[in-house]
Amino acid sequence: MKEISPEQLHQLITTNANFQLIDVREDYEFDEVNINGELIPMGDVMDNIDKISKDKQVVMHCRSGKRSATVINALETEHGFNNLYNLTGGVMAYLEKYSK
């Protein structure tokens, strides 16, 4: 599985790179704190395959990186995705470095 560090994600965000950021946490977690990703809760991902780009880099994250890793493994195995990156340490690691 490909991974991306909080620093690399921050660079993508600050340079307005053409990528997709997907948050696979639950609604209440997203409402508490988010980094402006598109919310597709883990349990809903397989019903929303059409919302996930196959044409550009897609960074997926959850709180710590475990749920997003599970989702990425399933998408790669079952649907042939090869453009997915897991945020190392999840949103917590990102916010530890870049909280507002």
Protein backbone atom coordinates (compact mmCIF):
# COMPACT_ATOMS: atom_id res chain seq x y z
CA MET A 1 0.00 0.00 0.00
CA LYS A 2 1.24 3.45 -0.88
CA GLU A 3 1.42 5.98 1.93
CA ILE A 4 1.73 9.72 2.17
CA SER A 5 3.13 11.63 5.13
CA PRO A 6 1.39 14.57 6.79
CA GLU A 7 4.13 16.80 5.33
CA GLN A 8 3.51 15.52 1.80
CA LEU A 9 -0.24 16.01 2.18
CA HIS A 10 0.29 19.53 3.49
CA GLN A 11 2.37 20.29 0.40
CA LEU A 12 -0.41 18.99 -1.88
CA ILE A 13 -2.94 21.17 -0.07
CA THR A 14 -0.84 24.35 0.00
CA THR A 15 0.14 24.07 -3.66
CA ASN A 16 -3.45 23.42 -4.75
CA ALA A 17 -2.41 20.16 -6.38
CA ASN A 18 -4.99 18.24 -8.37
CA PHE A 19 -5.82 15.38 -6.01
CA GLN A 20 -8.80 14.00 -4.12
CA LEU A 21 -8.90 13.83 -0.31
CA ILE A 22 -11.35 11.34 1.18
CA ASP A 23 -12.18 11.03 4.88
CA VAL A 24 -13.54 7.58 5.79
CA ARG A 25 -14.47 8.41 9.39
CA GLU A 26 -18.03 8.66 10.66
CA ASP A 27 -20.19 11.81 10.42
CA TYR A 28 -19.77 12.73 14.09
CA GLU A 29 -15.96 12.45 13.82
CA PHE A 30 -15.95 14.63 10.73
CA ASP A 31 -18.14 17.19 12.48
CA GLU A 32 -15.69 17.35 15.41
CA VAL A 33 -12.62 17.99 13.25
CA ASN A 34 -11.80 17.70 9.57
CA ILE A 35 -9.22 18.81 7.02
CA ASN A 36 -11.70 19.55 4.23
CA GLY A 37 -11.75 16.09 2.71
CA GLU A 38 -14.81 14.56 1.11
CA LEU A 39 -16.63 12.47 3.70
CA ILE A 40 -17.41 8.90 2.64
CA PRO A 41 -17.73 6.83 5.83
CA MET A 42 -15.97 3.47 5.74
CA GLY A 43 -19.24 1.54 5.68
CA ASP A 44 -20.45 3.53 2.66
CA VAL A 45 -17.33 3.41 0.49
CA MET A 46 -18.28 0.33 -1.54
CA ASP A 47 -21.63 1.92 -2.38
CA ASN A 48 -19.85 5.08 -3.58
CA ILE A 49 -17.10 3.71 -5.83
CA ASP A 50 -18.16 6.16 -8.54
CA LYS A 51 -17.18 9.10 -6.28
CA ILE A 52 -13.55 7.96 -6.07
CA SER A 53 -11.31 9.18 -8.87
CA LYS A 54 -9.25 6.71 -10.86
CA ASP A 55 -7.61 9.51 -12.86
CA LYS A 56 -5.66 11.35 -10.15
CA GLN A 57 -4.00 10.79 -6.80
CA VAL A 58 -6.47 9.95 -4.05
CA VAL A 59 -5.45 10.38 -0.42
CA MET A 60 -7.63 8.55 2.09
CA HIS A 61 -7.57 9.07 5.81
CA CYS A 62 -9.29 8.26 9.06
CA ARG A 63 -8.35 9.08 12.63
CA SER A 64 -5.14 7.03 12.84
CA GLY A 65 -4.75 5.37 9.44
CA LYS A 66 -6.11 1.91 10.23
CA ARG A 67 -9.61 2.21 8.77
CA SER A 68 -8.38 4.00 5.67
CA ALA A 69 -5.77 1.25 5.17
CA THR A 70 -8.54 -1.35 5.32
CA VAL A 71 -10.60 0.60 2.77
CA ILE A 72 -7.63 1.01 0.43
CA ASN A 73 -6.81 -2.69 0.58
CA ALA A 74 -10.40 -3.55 -0.34
CA LEU A 75 -10.53 -1.02 -3.19
CA GLU A 76 -7.22 -2.21 -4.62
CA THR A 77 -8.15 -5.89 -4.33
CA GLU A 78 -11.79 -5.77 -5.38
CA HIS A 79 -11.88 -2.81 -7.78
CA GLY A 80 -8.37 -2.50 -9.20
CA PHE A 81 -7.52 0.96 -7.87
CA ASN A 82 -3.81 1.82 -8.09
CA ASN A 83 -3.86 5.55 -7.28
CA LEU A 84 -4.73 5.41 -3.57
CA TYR A 85 -2.51 6.69 -0.76
CA ASN A 86 -3.03 6.23 2.96
CA LEU A 87 -2.26 9.20 5.21
CA THR A 88 0.35 7.92 7.67
CA GLY A 89 -0.96 8.43 11.20
CA GLY A 90 -4.30 9.71 9.95
CA VAL A 91 -5.88 13.05 10.66
CA MET A 92 -4.44 13.06 14.18
CA ALA A 93 -0.86 13.05 12.86
CA TYR A 94 -1.73 15.76 10.36
CA LEU A 95 -3.36 17.99 12.94
CA GLU A 96 -0.48 17.48 15.36
CA LYS A 97 1.72 19.30 12.84
CA TYR A 98 -0.73 21.61 11.10
CA SER A 99 -3.61 22.42 13.42
CA LYS A 100 -4.92 25.93 13.04
